[in-house]
Amino acid sequence: MHVLLQRDMAPGGWSELPKELLYLIETRLMNLSDRVLFAAACKSWRSALKESPNRSCSRREFPWLMLPGGALYSPLEDKVRSINLPNRHHFQRFLGSSSDGWVAMVDESLNVYLFNPISGAEARLPSLTNVFLVMMRRLFTHGSWMSSLDVRDIYLRKAVWSPDPNNLGSVSMVLLMKCMVAVNRPGNARWTVRYGQFIDVIYNKEIFYLVDQKGQVFTLNINDIHERRVWKKWKPWNMDLPMGSNKLYLVEGPSSLLLVIRLKKFPGGCCPYRTTGFKVFELNEGTMKWERKVDLGDGMLFLGMNSSIHLSASHFPECQGNRIYFTDDNMAQSCSLKYGGYDMGVFCLGDGSLGCPYRTDERSMWPDPIWIFPNPTGNVSTVCRCTIRRRLLYLFIDHLPRPFYFLDARGRGQIWARLLRFFYLYCCIYFVFILLLEPSQMVMDAVKSSRTGKHMFG
């Protein structure tokens, strides 16, 4: 490195560092914030980052928590960063997130959006209006009625979609609901509805996998031209779990499909439910049976409203394997203003211990916090490169104090959040004034009092 500096260092200074050295520095940048600040230094560094031969290497970011009120919490950095959400997104509900950095949202009118909180890119999917009409016909026969807002908050559970939201013509989405599943195929303006009590869904190798409460797995192949073969069902094991007391998750493991059971207790009181542990099963593709897995090795699972994902702790020196990171996804309580959103933490599969590094005293957070996987993709035509670059710089330079993380509840706390931020800035300016200006004023008063022979406190 010293030889490179002596041989190629130009009079221009740091902006003229040789590209070989910049490529070497780029390999040491382990997280997204470092790479963003590196690219913002100057034009030559930014171009070197784009042309780096290491850019094609897959580099996974540790997931962040997307919090109510337009904030992102990074567990590894222990920082809360504010993001500039469009006004219409403040009152939307999170429906899911994918490993490529996108978040699914739905508003009061049942319009569905895909939004990248890092780059600000946005894509819109067909509205759920026809699904709402189907539900109203079904409910009307039982003598009940619901608004579109009630359907959004009570019936919508989780959304999973195929990759590349930049190309809307190739995006397919499966939306889990309380008593049915809605499917949108590429290019379709309407959703197809199928009745069934599905608990979770993932997308893996161009196929959607769904699981019900009994552990039965269904596969949905959107690309199959034969309608009769679109849905397939196979039953690895009948678990007969009690309804409502447990939650099932499908996860794409390093070698095969994983099934995770979330165990809960219901003590009542101020916190009416709590997660007590997890059980993990792995699919034996030879016998097509679920087999108990007691150790994840260096694996880490991230569960919740997001698309469940498996990561290796070897890529993150600060982390330990055999852990399950989870967020609250109890929709029956989240739609209430009183409780919901607090049941999140980290579970060690080895000793069964529970922890929560992102602790909060809030017992009601809406929308529920959700895991996102920071990735500044989204070259949608509505977002130019300079806008993405400016947004990234704002995100990684400015961050909120810890007391302001969980301020929003159903969008109404957004005004209070802004007022508190303004008050926080006002206090900082006031204390600077006290520390810098008041001492000098006190010195001047002391000089005057000494000349007049009077003590300033006398």
Protein backbone atom coordinates (compact mmCIF):
# COMPACT_ATOMS: atom_id res chain seq x y z
CA MET A 1 0.00 0.00 0.00
CA HIS A 2 2.86 2.39 0.86
CA VAL A 3 4.44 1.67 -2.54
CA LEU A 4 1.16 2.46 -4.30
CA LEU A 5 0.90 5.79 -2.50
CA GLN A 6 4.48 6.77 -3.35
CA ARG A 7 4.22 5.70 -6.99
CA ASP A 8 0.77 6.89 -7.98
CA MET A 9 -0.19 9.65 -5.52
CA ALA A 10 -1.03 12.69 -7.60
CA PRO A 11 -0.89 16.35 -6.53
CA GLY A 12 -4.70 16.34 -6.39
CA GLY A 13 -4.66 14.77 -2.92
CA TRP A 14 -7.11 12.20 -1.61
CA SER A 15 -9.38 12.47 -4.64
CA GLU A 16 -6.55 11.18 -6.85
CA LEU A 17 -5.81 7.96 -4.98
CA PRO A 18 -5.02 5.06 -7.32
CA LYS A 19 -7.94 2.81 -8.15
CA GLU A 20 -6.09 -0.27 -6.93
CA LEU A 21 -5.97 1.26 -3.45
CA LEU A 22 -9.63 2.28 -3.58
CA TYR A 23 -10.58 -1.26 -4.60
CA LEU A 24 -8.64 -2.55 -1.59
CA ILE A 25 -10.40 -0.10 0.73
CA GLU A 26 -13.76 -1.13 -0.71
CA THR A 27 -13.20 -4.73 0.37
CA ARG A 28 -12.90 -3.52 4.00
CA LEU A 29 -16.25 -1.71 3.97
CA MET A 30 -18.48 -4.18 5.77
CA ASN A 31 -21.82 -2.33 5.99
CA LEU A 32 -24.01 -0.15 3.84
CA SER A 33 -23.43 3.07 5.78
CA ASP A 34 -19.66 2.85 5.25
CA ARG A 35 -20.09 2.30 1.51
CA VAL A 36 -22.53 5.20 1.20
CA LEU A 37 -20.20 7.61 3.00
CA PHE A 38 -17.25 6.30 0.97
CA ALA A 39 -19.11 7.01 -2.29
CA ALA A 40 -20.12 10.48 -1.08
CA ALA A 41 -16.53 11.60 -0.49
CA CYS A 42 -15.84 12.62 -4.09
CA LYS A 43 -16.64 11.72 -7.69
CA SER A 44 -13.52 9.61 -8.24
CA TRP A 45 -14.23 7.47 -5.16
CA ARG A 46 -17.83 7.00 -6.25
CA SER A 47 -16.79 5.88 -9.73
CA ALA A 48 -14.20 3.52 -8.25
CA LEU A 49 -16.90 1.95 -6.09
CA LYS A 50 -19.06 1.37 -9.17
CA GLU A 51 -16.18 -0.12 -11.16
CA SER A 52 -14.82 -2.27 -8.33
CA PRO A 53 -14.32 -5.94 -9.30
CA ASN A 54 -15.63 -6.86 -5.84
CA ARG A 55 -18.99 -5.23 -6.51
CA SER A 56 -20.42 -8.40 -8.03
CA CYS A 57 -19.72 -10.33 -4.81
CA SER A 58 -22.87 -10.94 -2.79
CA ARG A 59 -22.73 -8.86 0.39
CA ARG A 60 -25.68 -9.27 2.69
CA GLU A 61 -26.59 -6.54 5.18
CA PHE A 62 -27.72 -7.39 8.68
CA PRO A 63 -31.47 -6.70 8.86
CA TRP A 64 -32.83 -3.49 10.31
CA LEU A 65 -36.11 -2.82 12.09
CA MET A 66 -38.54 -0.49 10.36
CA LEU A 67 -40.35 1.34 13.16
CA PRO A 68 -43.52 3.44 13.25
CA GLY A 69 -43.16 7.09 12.34
CA GLY A 70 -40.51 6.72 9.63
CA ALA A 71 -37.49 5.41 11.53
CA LEU A 72 -35.05 2.55 10.98
CA TYR A 73 -33.18 0.83 13.81
CA SER A 74 -29.82 -0.84 13.10
CA PRO A 75 -29.15 -3.46 15.83
CA LEU A 76 -25.43 -3.78 15.06
CA GLU A 77 -24.82 -0.02 15.19
CA ASP A 78 -27.47 0.57 17.89
CA LYS A 79 -28.70 3.63 16.00
CA VAL A 80 -32.13 4.84 14.99
CA ARG A 81 -32.14 6.69 11.68
CA SER A 82 -35.02 8.80 10.42
CA ILE A 83 -36.28 8.41 6.86
CA ASN A 84 -38.39 10.76 4.81
CA LEU A 85 -41.60 8.84 4.13
CA PRO A 86 -44.16 10.28 1.70
CA ASN A 87 -47.18 11.64 3.57
CA ARG A 88 -49.48 8.90 2.31
CA HIS A 89 -47.18 6.22 3.76
CA HIS A 90 -47.52 7.47 7.35
CA PHE A 91 -51.00 5.96 7.66
CA GLN A 92 -50.30 2.73 5.81
CA ARG A 93 -49.84 -0.71 7.27
CA PHE A 94 -46.80 -2.91 6.69
CA LEU A 95 -47.70 -6.18 5.00
CA GLY A 96 -44.29 -7.71 4.43
CA SER A 97 -40.70 -7.19 3.36
CA SER A 98 -38.34 -9.04 1.05
CA SER A 99 -34.63 -9.80 1.08
CA ASP A 100 -34.01 -7.31 -1.74
CA GLY A 101 -34.98 -4.30 0.39
CA TRP A 102 -38.63 -3.71 -0.52
CA VAL A 103 -41.58 -3.31 1.86
CA ALA A 104 -45.25 -3.96 1.02
CA MET A 105 -47.77 -1.41 2.29
CA VAL A 106 -51.53 -1.00 2.01
CA ASP A 107 -53.55 2.17 2.67
CA GLU A 108 -57.11 2.74 3.91
CA SER A 109 -58.49 2.36 0.37
CA LEU A 110 -56.77 -1.04 -0.06
CA ASN A 111 -54.21 0.26 -2.54
CA VAL A 112 -51.05 -1.88 -2.46
CA TYR A 113 -47.56 -0.39 -2.80
CA LEU A 114 -44.02 -1.72 -2.86
CA PHE A 115 -41.65 0.79 -1.28
CA ASN A 116 -37.88 0.81 -0.81
CA PRO A 117 -37.22 2.79 2.40
CA ILE A 118 -33.52 3.18 1.62
CA SER A 119 -33.70 4.57 -1.93
CA GLY A 120 -37.25 5.93 -1.83
CA ALA A 121 -38.27 3.98 -4.94
CA GLU A 122 -41.91 2.98 -5.20
CA ALA A 123 -44.03 0.63 -7.29
CA ARG A 124 -47.80 0.24 -7.23
CA LEU A 125 -49.70 -3.01 -7.59
CA PRO A 126 -53.40 -3.53 -8.42
CA SER A 127 -55.87 -2.44 -5.77
CA LEU A 128 -57.61 -5.00 -3.56
CA THR A 129 -61.03 -3.61 -4.45
CA ASN A 130 -62.31 -6.82 -6.03
CA VAL A 131 -61.09 -8.81 -2.98
CA PHE A 132 -62.98 -6.39 -0.74
CA LEU A 133 -66.18 -6.96 -2.74
CA VAL A 134 -65.75 -10.73 -2.50
CA MET A 135 -65.36 -10.47 1.27
CA MET A 136 -68.38 -8.20 1.59
CA ARG A 137 -70.56 -10.68 -0.29
CA ARG A 138 -69.34 -13.43 2.02
CA LEU A 139 -69.88 -11.36 5.19
CA PHE A 140 -73.23 -9.99 4.06
CA THR A 141 -74.65 -13.51 3.90
CA HIS A 142 -73.81 -13.81 7.62
CA GLY A 143 -75.45 -10.49 8.46
CA SER A 144 -72.29 -8.42 9.04
CA TRP A 145 -70.51 -5.54 7.31
CA MET A 146 -67.01 -4.06 7.39
CA SER A 147 -65.31 -1.03 5.95
CA SER A 148 -62.18 -1.23 3.82
CA LEU A 149 -60.19 0.03 6.83
CA ASP A 150 -61.50 -2.85 8.97
CA VAL A 151 -60.59 -5.34 6.25
CA ARG A 152 -57.07 -3.93 6.09
CA ASP A 153 -56.47 -3.96 9.85
CA ILE A 154 -58.21 -7.22 10.74
CA TYR A 155 -58.13 -9.54 7.73
CA LEU A 156 -54.88 -8.81 5.89
CA ARG A 157 -52.01 -10.88 7.29
CA LYS A 158 -48.90 -11.03 5.12
CA ALA A 159 -47.67 -10.39 1.58
CA VAL A 160 -44.88 -12.19 -0.29
CA TRP A 161 -43.85 -11.46 -3.86
CA SER A 162 -41.41 -12.51 -6.53
CA PRO A 163 -38.17 -10.52 -6.97
CA ASP A 164 -37.46 -7.46 -9.09
CA PRO A 165 -40.18 -4.89 -8.33
CA ASN A 166 -38.38 -2.60 -10.82
CA ASN A 167 -40.10 -4.61 -13.55
CA LEU A 168 -43.77 -4.62 -12.55
CA GLY A 169 -44.61 -6.80 -15.53
CA SER A 170 -42.82 -9.73 -13.88
CA VAL A 171 -43.95 -9.29 -10.25
CA SER A 172 -46.38 -11.81 -8.78
CA MET A 173 -47.71 -11.50 -5.23
CA VAL A 174 -49.47 -13.78 -2.76
CA LEU A 175 -51.43 -12.04 0.01
CA LEU A 176 -52.49 -14.05 3.05
CA MET A 177 -55.80 -13.11 4.63
CA LYS A 178 -57.75 -14.39 7.61
CA CYS A 179 -59.90 -16.84 5.65
CA MET A 180 -58.47 -16.80 2.13
CA VAL A 181 -55.44 -16.10 -0.03
CA ALA A 182 -55.32 -13.53 -2.83
CA VAL A 183 -52.99 -14.05 -5.80
CA ASN A 184 -51.93 -11.49 -8.38
CA ARG A 185 -50.18 -12.76 -11.51
CA PRO A 186 -47.87 -10.61 -13.66
CA GLY A 187 -49.84 -8.23 -15.85
CA ASN A 188 -53.21 -8.90 -14.20
CA ALA A 189 -55.28 -5.97 -12.96
CA ARG A 190 -57.36 -8.14 -10.60
CA TRP A 191 -56.65 -10.54 -7.77
CA THR A 192 -57.61 -14.22 -7.77
CA VAL A 193 -59.14 -15.44 -4.50
CA ARG A 194 -58.86 -18.93 -3.02
CA TYR A 195 -60.40 -19.89 0.31
CA GLY A 196 -58.27 -21.59 2.94
CA GLN A 197 -56.72 -21.09 6.40
CA PHE A 198 -53.08 -20.49 5.44
CA ILE A 199 -50.60 -19.43 8.14
CA ASP A 200 -47.43 -18.48 6.27
CA VAL A 201 -45.99 -18.21 2.76
CA ILE A 202 -42.52 -17.87 1.21
CA TYR A 203 -41.18 -17.56 -2.34
CA ASN A 204 -38.41 -19.96 -3.34
CA LYS A 205 -37.13 -20.89 -6.81
CA GLU A 206 -40.11 -19.45 -8.71
CA ILE A 207 -42.62 -21.27 -6.49
CA PHE A 208 -44.73 -20.02 -3.58
CA TYR A 209 -44.89 -22.35 -0.57
CA LEU A 210 -47.84 -22.03 1.82
CA VAL A 211 -48.46 -23.85 5.11
CA ASP A 212 -51.64 -24.30 7.12
CA GLN A 213 -52.14 -24.86 10.85
CA LYS A 214 -51.73 -28.64 10.50
CA GLY A 215 -48.32 -28.42 8.83
CA GLN A 216 -49.68 -29.25 5.37
CA VAL A 217 -47.65 -27.55 2.66
CA PHE A 218 -49.13 -26.22 -0.58
CA THR A 219 -47.11 -25.14 -3.60
CA LEU A 220 -48.28 -22.45 -6.00
CA ASN A 221 -46.57 -22.20 -9.37
CA ILE A 222 -47.60 -18.93 -11.00
CA ASN A 223 -45.80 -19.75 -14.26
CA ASP A 224 -47.54 -23.10 -14.85
CA ILE A 225 -49.83 -22.74 -17.86
CA HIS A 226 -51.92 -25.73 -16.78
CA GLU A 227 -54.45 -24.41 -14.27
CA ARG A 228 -55.02 -27.82 -12.67
CA ARG A 229 -51.35 -28.09 -11.72
CA VAL A 230 -51.00 -24.59 -10.29
CA TRP A 231 -51.85 -25.73 -6.75
CA LYS A 232 -50.27 -28.86 -5.27
CA LYS A 233 -50.61 -30.24 -1.78
CA TRP A 234 -48.32 -32.51 0.22
CA LYS A 235 -48.59 -33.48 3.84
CA PRO A 236 -45.23 -34.15 5.54
CA TRP A 237 -46.69 -34.46 9.03
CA ASN A 238 -49.93 -33.75 10.83
CA MET A 239 -49.00 -31.76 13.94
CA ASP A 240 -52.51 -31.05 15.26
CA LEU A 241 -51.45 -27.81 16.92
CA PRO A 242 -54.08 -25.90 18.91
CA MET A 243 -55.51 -23.02 16.94
CA GLY A 244 -54.39 -19.55 18.01
CA SER A 245 -51.74 -20.60 20.53
CA ASN A 246 -48.90 -21.17 18.06
CA LYS A 247 -47.65 -19.71 14.79
CA LEU A 248 -45.94 -21.52 11.92
CA TYR A 249 -43.25 -20.11 9.64
CA LEU A 250 -41.68 -21.48 6.47
CA VAL A 251 -37.99 -20.65 5.96
CA GLU A 252 -35.66 -21.45 3.09
CA GLY A 253 -32.78 -23.17 4.89
CA PRO A 254 -29.23 -23.66 3.60
CA SER A 255 -30.04 -27.16 2.30
CA SER A 256 -33.80 -27.72 2.60
CA LEU A 257 -37.07 -26.20 3.74
CA LEU A 258 -37.48 -25.36 7.45
CA LEU A 259 -40.67 -25.20 9.49
CA VAL A 260 -40.57 -23.09 12.67
CA ILE A 261 -43.23 -23.24 15.39
CA ARG A 262 -43.60 -20.16 17.60
CA LEU A 263 -44.82 -21.01 21.10
CA LYS A 264 -46.76 -18.45 23.12
CA LYS A 265 -48.38 -18.05 26.50
CA PHE A 266 -51.30 -15.82 27.40
CA PRO A 267 -50.84 -14.48 30.94
CA GLY A 268 -53.26 -11.59 30.45
CA GLY A 269 -52.82 -8.21 32.09
CA CYS A 270 -50.87 -5.39 30.50
CA CYS A 271 -49.04 -7.81 28.18
CA PRO A 272 -51.71 -10.36 27.23
CA TYR A 273 -49.39 -12.62 25.23
CA ARG A 274 -45.69 -13.48 25.18
CA THR A 275 -43.46 -15.67 23.03
CA THR A 276 -41.92 -18.43 25.15
CA GLY A 277 -39.85 -20.35 22.60
CA PHE A 278 -39.49 -21.91 19.17
CA LYS A 279 -39.27 -25.39 17.68
CA VAL A 280 -37.52 -25.96 14.37
CA PHE A 281 -38.16 -28.80 11.91
CA GLU A 282 -36.32 -29.62 8.69
CA LEU A 283 -37.86 -31.30 5.67
CA ASN A 284 -36.30 -34.65 4.80
CA GLU A 285 -36.70 -34.65 1.04
CA GLY A 286 -36.11 -38.40 0.91
CA THR A 287 -39.01 -39.37 3.17
CA MET A 288 -40.89 -36.06 2.75
CA LYS A 289 -41.29 -35.80 6.54
CA TRP A 290 -40.62 -33.02 9.02
CA GLU A 291 -37.72 -33.91 11.35
CA ARG A 292 -36.85 -32.04 14.55
CA LYS A 293 -33.78 -29.80 14.33
CA VAL A 294 -32.25 -28.87 17.70
CA ASP A 295 -29.33 -26.78 16.45
CA LEU A 296 -28.99 -24.21 13.68
CA GLY A 297 -25.18 -24.11 13.77
CA ASP A 298 -24.12 -20.62 12.73
CA GLY A 299 -27.57 -19.96 11.28
CA MET A 300 -29.83 -17.07 12.25
CA LEU A 301 -33.54 -16.89 11.46
CA PHE A 302 -35.52 -13.65 11.09
CA LEU A 303 -39.25 -14.11 11.59
CA GLY A 304 -42.26 -11.83 11.70
CA MET A 305 -44.25 -9.95 9.09
CA ASN A 306 -41.23 -10.12 6.78
CA SER A 307 -40.52 -12.91 4.35
CA SER A 308 -38.74 -15.35 6.69
CA ILE A 309 -35.03 -15.63 5.98
CA HIS A 310 -31.97 -17.61 7.07
CA LEU A 311 -28.56 -15.89 7.41
CA SER A 312 -25.15 -17.15 8.45
CA ALA A 313 -23.51 -15.57 11.51
CA SER A 314 -20.09 -16.11 9.92
CA HIS A 315 -20.77 -13.04 7.75
CA PHE A 316 -21.32 -10.87 10.84
CA PRO A 317 -18.49 -11.06 13.42
CA GLU A 318 -20.62 -9.25 16.02
CA CYS A 319 -23.34 -11.92 15.98
CA GLN A 320 -23.73 -15.44 17.29
CA GLY A 321 -25.38 -18.31 15.48
CA ASN A 322 -28.20 -20.59 16.60
CA ARG A 323 -30.44 -17.55 17.19
CA ILE A 324 -33.97 -16.63 16.13
CA TYR A 325 -34.78 -12.92 15.79
CA PHE A 326 -38.51 -12.27 15.86
CA THR A 327 -40.99 -9.40 15.83
CA ASP A 328 -44.63 -9.18 16.83
CA ASP A 329 -47.08 -10.36 14.17
CA ASN A 330 -50.18 -11.01 16.27
CA MET A 331 -52.67 -9.22 14.06
CA ALA A 332 -55.60 -9.94 16.39
CA GLN A 333 -54.02 -7.59 18.98
CA SER A 334 -52.19 -5.21 16.64
CA CYS A 335 -55.42 -3.79 15.28
CA SER A 336 -56.27 -2.66 18.83
CA LEU A 337 -54.92 0.64 20.11
CA LYS A 338 -54.36 -0.82 23.57
CA TYR A 339 -51.93 -3.69 22.89
CA GLY A 340 -49.75 -5.00 20.10
CA GLY A 341 -46.30 -4.69 18.60
CA TYR A 342 -44.27 -5.28 21.78
CA ASP A 343 -43.65 -9.06 21.52
CA MET A 344 -40.21 -9.11 19.88
CA GLY A 345 -36.77 -10.32 20.83
CA VAL A 346 -34.00 -12.88 20.28
CA PHE A 347 -34.32 -16.57 21.14
CA CYS A 348 -31.31 -18.88 21.62
CA LEU A 349 -32.18 -22.34 20.36
CA GLY A 350 -29.34 -23.88 22.38
CA ASP A 351 -30.27 -22.93 25.96
CA GLY A 352 -33.79 -21.61 25.38
CA SER A 353 -33.01 -18.10 26.65
CA LEU A 354 -34.86 -15.00 25.48
CA GLY A 355 -33.38 -11.53 25.08
CA CYS A 356 -34.30 -8.19 23.57
CA PRO A 357 -31.45 -5.84 22.56
CA TYR A 358 -33.94 -3.31 21.18
CA ARG A 359 -35.98 -2.99 24.36
CA THR A 360 -38.85 -0.54 24.62
CA ASP A 361 -41.47 0.24 27.27
CA GLU A 362 -44.18 0.76 24.67
CA ARG A 363 -47.02 -1.77 24.81
CA SER A 364 -48.79 -0.52 21.69
CA MET A 365 -46.95 0.20 18.45
CA TRP A 366 -48.72 0.49 15.14
CA PRO A 367 -47.81 -0.49 12.52
CA ASP A 368 -45.92 -3.42 14.03
CA PRO A 369 -42.12 -3.16 13.62
CA ILE A 370 -40.91 -5.26 10.72
CA TRP A 371 -37.52 -6.63 9.65
CA ILE A 372 -36.18 -5.07 6.45
CA PHE A 373 -33.03 -5.91 4.55
CA PRO A 374 -31.35 -2.61 3.57
CA ASN A 375 -30.57 -2.50 -0.10
CA PRO A 376 -30.53 0.79 -2.07
CA THR A 377 -32.05 -0.77 -5.19
CA GLY A 378 -34.98 0.58 -7.10
CA ASN A 379 -34.00 2.19 -10.38
CA VAL A 380 -37.64 3.06 -10.97
CA SER A 381 -38.15 5.89 -13.42
CA THR A 382 -39.76 8.02 -10.70
CA VAL A 383 -36.54 8.15 -8.68
CA CYS A 384 -33.41 9.69 -10.16
CA ARG A 385 -29.91 8.80 -9.05
CA CYS A 386 -29.21 12.13 -7.39
CA THR A 387 -32.39 11.75 -5.31
CA ILE A 388 -31.31 8.31 -4.13
CA ARG A 389 -27.82 9.59 -3.31
CA ARG A 390 -29.19 12.57 -1.36
CA ARG A 391 -31.62 10.32 0.50
CA LEU A 392 -28.86 7.88 1.46
CA LEU A 393 -26.63 10.65 2.79
CA TYR A 394 -29.47 12.06 4.89
CA LEU A 395 -30.22 8.58 6.21
CA PHE A 396 -26.68 7.74 7.32
CA ILE A 397 -25.62 11.13 8.65
CA ASP A 398 -28.72 11.99 10.66
CA HIS A 399 -30.10 9.69 13.34
CA LEU A 400 -32.59 10.09 16.17
CA PRO A 401 -31.90 9.89 19.89
CA ARG A 402 -32.96 6.58 21.43
CA PRO A 403 -35.99 7.98 23.35
CA PHE A 404 -37.69 8.85 20.05
CA TYR A 405 -37.75 5.45 18.37
CA PHE A 406 -41.31 4.25 19.02
CA LEU A 407 -43.33 7.44 18.86
CA ASP A 408 -45.97 6.65 16.27
CA ALA A 409 -49.22 4.78 16.92
CA ARG A 410 -51.66 4.49 14.01
CA GLY A 411 -50.11 7.55 12.39
CA ARG A 412 -51.48 9.95 15.00
CA GLY A 413 -48.19 10.09 16.88
CA GLN A 414 -46.43 11.49 13.81
CA ILE A 415 -47.35 15.07 14.80
CA TRP A 416 -46.04 14.48 18.32
CA ALA A 417 -42.88 12.97 16.88
CA ARG A 418 -42.19 16.10 14.84
CA LEU A 419 -42.94 18.36 17.80
CA LEU A 420 -40.57 16.38 20.02
CA ARG A 421 -37.85 16.51 17.38
CA PHE A 422 -38.30 20.29 17.16
CA PHE A 423 -38.20 20.54 20.95
CA TYR A 424 -35.04 18.40 21.01
CA LEU A 425 -33.36 20.72 18.49
CA TYR A 426 -34.49 23.77 20.46
CA CYS A 427 -33.00 22.34 23.67
CA CYS A 428 -29.68 21.66 21.93
CA ILE A 429 -29.48 25.24 20.66
CA TYR A 430 -30.47 26.59 24.07
CA PHE A 431 -27.78 24.60 25.88
CA VAL A 432 -25.17 25.73 23.37
CA PHE A 433 -26.22 29.30 24.09
CA ILE A 434 -25.94 28.69 27.85
CA LEU A 435 -22.54 27.03 27.63
CA LEU A 436 -20.94 29.44 25.17
CA LEU A 437 -22.54 32.81 25.81
CA GLU A 438 -23.58 32.84 29.43
CA PRO A 439 -20.06 32.30 30.87
CA SER A 440 -18.76 35.31 28.94
CA GLN A 441 -21.66 37.41 30.22
CA MET A 442 -20.90 36.29 33.78
CA VAL A 443 -17.25 37.35 33.35
CA MET A 444 -18.29 40.78 32.12
CA ASP A 445 -20.65 41.18 35.09
CA ALA A 446 -17.85 40.18 37.45
CA VAL A 447 -15.52 42.80 35.94
CA LYS A 448 -18.16 45.49 36.30
CA SER A 449 -18.88 44.53 39.90
CA SER A 450 -15.17 44.57 40.77
CA ARG A 451 -14.88 48.09 39.39
CA THR A 452 -17.82 49.30 41.42
CA GLY A 453 -16.67 47.38 44.48
CA LYS A 454 -19.78 45.21 44.62
CA HIS A 455 -19.90 41.44 44.48
CA MET A 456 -22.00 40.15 41.59
CA PHE A 457 -23.93 37.87 43.94
CA GLY A 458 -24.11 40.36 46.74
